[in-house]
N, C-alpha and C. Protein backbone atom coordinates (compact mmCIF):
# COMPACT_ATOMS: atom_id res chain seq x y z
N UNK A 1 8.18 -0.88 -10.65
CA UNK A 1 9.41 -0.42 -10.01
C UNK A 1 9.52 -1.08 -8.65
N UNK A 2 10.75 -1.38 -8.24
CA UNK A 2 10.98 -2.09 -6.95
C UNK A 2 12.02 -1.19 -6.14
N UNK A 3 11.81 -1.26 -4.85
CA UNK A 3 12.61 -0.50 -3.94
C UNK A 3 12.95 -1.36 -2.69
N UNK A 4 14.26 -1.43 -2.29
CA UNK A 4 14.67 -2.19 -1.14
C UNK A 4 14.02 -1.58 0.07
N UNK A 5 13.59 -2.47 1.05
CA UNK A 5 12.87 -1.97 2.17
C UNK A 5 13.64 -2.13 3.49
N UNK A 6 13.14 -1.43 4.47
CA UNK A 6 13.69 -1.53 5.86
C UNK A 6 12.56 -2.08 6.70
N UNK A 7 12.91 -2.46 7.92
CA UNK A 7 11.87 -2.98 8.85
C UNK A 7 10.77 -1.94 9.05
N UNK A 8 11.11 -0.65 9.20
CA UNK A 8 10.10 0.35 9.45
C UNK A 8 9.21 0.51 8.24
N UNK A 9 9.72 0.43 7.02
CA UNK A 9 8.91 0.52 5.86
C UNK A 9 7.98 -0.65 5.84
N UNK A 10 8.50 -1.83 6.10
CA UNK A 10 7.66 -3.07 6.07
C UNK A 10 6.56 -2.99 7.05
N UNK A 11 6.80 -2.43 8.18
CA UNK A 11 5.73 -2.25 9.26
C UNK A 11 4.58 -1.41 8.72
N UNK A 12 4.92 -0.43 7.88
CA UNK A 12 3.95 0.45 7.37
C UNK A 12 3.25 -0.14 6.13
N UNK A 13 3.79 -1.26 5.58
CA UNK A 13 3.29 -1.78 4.32
C UNK A 13 2.83 -3.20 4.45
N UNK A 14 2.39 -3.69 5.65
CA UNK A 14 1.81 -5.00 5.82
C UNK A 14 0.75 -5.17 4.77
N UNK A 15 0.78 -6.31 4.07
CA UNK A 15 -0.17 -6.54 2.95
C UNK A 15 0.34 -6.23 1.60
N UNK A 16 1.51 -5.55 1.51
CA UNK A 16 2.10 -5.13 0.27
C UNK A 16 2.83 -6.30 -0.41
N UNK A 17 3.03 -6.18 -1.72
CA UNK A 17 3.73 -7.17 -2.50
C UNK A 17 5.22 -6.88 -2.46
N UNK A 18 6.04 -7.85 -2.27
CA UNK A 18 7.52 -7.76 -2.29
C UNK A 18 8.10 -8.84 -3.18
N UNK A 19 9.31 -8.63 -3.50
CA UNK A 19 10.10 -9.60 -4.30
C UNK A 19 11.31 -9.97 -3.45
N UNK A 20 11.53 -11.23 -3.27
CA UNK A 20 12.71 -11.78 -2.56
C UNK A 20 13.77 -12.19 -3.61
N UNK A 21 15.04 -11.82 -3.39
CA UNK A 21 16.16 -12.17 -4.22
C UNK A 21 17.25 -12.67 -3.30
N UNK A 22 17.66 -13.94 -3.40
CA UNK A 22 18.80 -14.40 -2.64
C UNK A 22 20.02 -13.60 -3.00
N UNK A 23 21.06 -13.60 -2.16
CA UNK A 23 22.27 -12.77 -2.40
C UNK A 23 22.95 -13.08 -3.71
N UNK A 24 22.80 -14.33 -4.21
CA UNK A 24 23.52 -14.68 -5.47
C UNK A 24 22.69 -14.34 -6.71
N UNK A 25 21.44 -13.82 -6.54
CA UNK A 25 20.59 -13.46 -7.68
C UNK A 25 20.74 -12.00 -7.99
N UNK A 26 21.02 -11.73 -9.24
CA UNK A 26 21.17 -10.35 -9.66
C UNK A 26 19.80 -9.63 -9.66
N UNK A 27 19.84 -8.29 -9.46
CA UNK A 27 18.61 -7.51 -9.41
C UNK A 27 17.86 -7.51 -10.73
N UNK A 28 18.53 -7.83 -11.79
CA UNK A 28 17.91 -7.88 -13.13
C UNK A 28 17.17 -9.18 -13.32
N UNK A 29 17.41 -10.20 -12.49
CA UNK A 29 16.75 -11.48 -12.61
C UNK A 29 15.49 -11.50 -11.81
N UNK A 30 14.47 -12.32 -12.28
CA UNK A 30 13.25 -12.39 -11.47
C UNK A 30 13.46 -12.97 -10.11
N UNK A 31 12.73 -12.49 -9.11
CA UNK A 31 12.86 -13.09 -7.80
C UNK A 31 11.54 -13.86 -7.47
N UNK A 32 11.34 -14.10 -6.14
CA UNK A 32 10.16 -14.77 -5.74
C UNK A 32 9.23 -13.77 -5.11
N UNK A 33 8.01 -13.66 -5.59
CA UNK A 33 7.01 -12.67 -5.13
C UNK A 33 6.31 -13.22 -3.92
N UNK A 34 6.00 -12.28 -3.02
CA UNK A 34 5.25 -12.61 -1.81
C UNK A 34 4.52 -11.45 -1.26
N UNK A 35 3.79 -11.69 -0.14
CA UNK A 35 3.04 -10.62 0.54
C UNK A 35 3.51 -10.54 1.98
N UNK A 36 3.79 -9.26 2.43
CA UNK A 36 4.18 -9.04 3.79
C UNK A 36 2.98 -9.36 4.75
N UNK A 37 3.13 -10.28 5.73
CA UNK A 37 2.07 -10.62 6.62
C UNK A 37 2.28 -10.10 8.00
N UNK A 38 3.59 -9.81 8.39
CA UNK A 38 3.93 -9.45 9.72
C UNK A 38 5.37 -8.95 9.71
N UNK A 39 5.70 -8.15 10.72
CA UNK A 39 7.13 -7.64 10.87
C UNK A 39 7.54 -7.85 12.32
N UNK A 40 8.65 -8.56 12.47
CA UNK A 40 9.19 -8.74 13.84
C UNK A 40 10.39 -7.76 14.14
N UNK A 41 11.16 -8.09 15.11
CA UNK A 41 12.26 -7.22 15.51
C UNK A 41 13.41 -7.33 14.51
N UNK A 42 13.58 -8.46 13.84
CA UNK A 42 14.68 -8.66 12.92
C UNK A 42 14.28 -9.04 11.55
N UNK A 43 13.10 -9.59 11.40
CA UNK A 43 12.70 -10.18 10.08
C UNK A 43 11.31 -9.65 9.67
N UNK A 44 11.14 -9.74 8.32
CA UNK A 44 9.85 -9.50 7.73
C UNK A 44 9.22 -10.88 7.42
N UNK A 45 8.03 -11.09 7.75
CA UNK A 45 7.40 -12.39 7.43
C UNK A 45 6.63 -12.25 6.22
N UNK A 46 6.99 -13.13 5.23
CA UNK A 46 6.39 -13.00 3.89
C UNK A 46 5.81 -14.33 3.50
N UNK A 47 4.53 -14.29 2.96
CA UNK A 47 3.93 -15.51 2.39
C UNK A 47 4.17 -15.51 0.89
N UNK A 48 4.97 -16.51 0.49
CA UNK A 48 5.36 -16.61 -0.92
C UNK A 48 4.42 -17.53 -1.69
N UNK A 49 4.10 -17.14 -2.89
CA UNK A 49 3.31 -17.95 -3.80
C UNK A 49 2.09 -18.54 -3.15
N UNK A 50 1.92 -19.89 -3.23
CA UNK A 50 0.74 -20.53 -2.71
C UNK A 50 1.03 -21.11 -1.28
N UNK A 51 2.14 -20.71 -0.69
CA UNK A 51 2.45 -21.18 0.68
C UNK A 51 1.34 -20.83 1.64
N UNK A 52 1.06 -21.65 2.66
CA UNK A 52 0.00 -21.33 3.61
C UNK A 52 0.55 -20.57 4.78
N UNK A 53 1.91 -20.65 5.02
CA UNK A 53 2.48 -19.90 6.14
C UNK A 53 3.60 -18.94 5.58
N UNK A 54 3.86 -17.96 6.41
CA UNK A 54 4.84 -16.99 6.05
C UNK A 54 6.27 -17.45 6.46
N UNK A 55 7.25 -16.89 5.79
CA UNK A 55 8.62 -17.27 6.14
C UNK A 55 9.34 -15.98 6.57
N UNK A 56 10.19 -16.14 7.57
CA UNK A 56 11.00 -14.98 8.11
C UNK A 56 12.07 -14.71 7.03
N UNK A 57 12.14 -13.41 6.65
CA UNK A 57 13.08 -13.01 5.57
C UNK A 57 13.76 -11.72 6.04
N UNK A 58 15.06 -11.66 5.89
CA UNK A 58 15.77 -10.42 6.18
C UNK A 58 15.30 -9.30 5.29
N UNK A 59 15.02 -8.14 5.80
CA UNK A 59 14.52 -7.09 4.95
C UNK A 59 15.41 -6.58 3.81
N UNK A 60 16.67 -6.73 4.09
CA UNK A 60 17.67 -6.29 3.00
C UNK A 60 17.59 -7.19 1.72
N UNK A 61 16.89 -8.35 1.80
CA UNK A 61 16.77 -9.23 0.63
C UNK A 61 15.41 -9.02 -0.05
N UNK A 62 14.65 -8.02 0.35
CA UNK A 62 13.35 -7.77 -0.19
C UNK A 62 13.30 -6.43 -0.90
N UNK A 63 12.55 -6.43 -1.98
CA UNK A 63 12.25 -5.23 -2.74
C UNK A 63 10.74 -5.03 -2.65
N UNK A 64 10.33 -3.81 -2.32
CA UNK A 64 8.89 -3.50 -2.33
C UNK A 64 8.50 -3.23 -3.77
N UNK A 65 7.38 -3.86 -4.19
CA UNK A 65 6.86 -3.60 -5.54
C UNK A 65 5.89 -2.48 -5.43
N UNK A 66 6.21 -1.40 -6.17
CA UNK A 66 5.35 -0.22 -6.19
C UNK A 66 4.70 -0.11 -7.54
N UNK A 67 3.46 0.38 -7.55
CA UNK A 67 2.75 0.47 -8.86
C UNK A 67 3.31 1.56 -9.75
């Protein structure tokens, strides 16, 4: 199950798995999985796939993956 997150939720869930979906991608389509590494004032920093560094991502484009 996936749930859209806020900055506050992201701060509490550093290390959690999220799914990024660009605005043109439907929620029923697979997105790009990553791990929250840090949270700033405006963005959630997520390390996607095998990337070595995290990318700043607007929280409204992320879904938290819950077990």
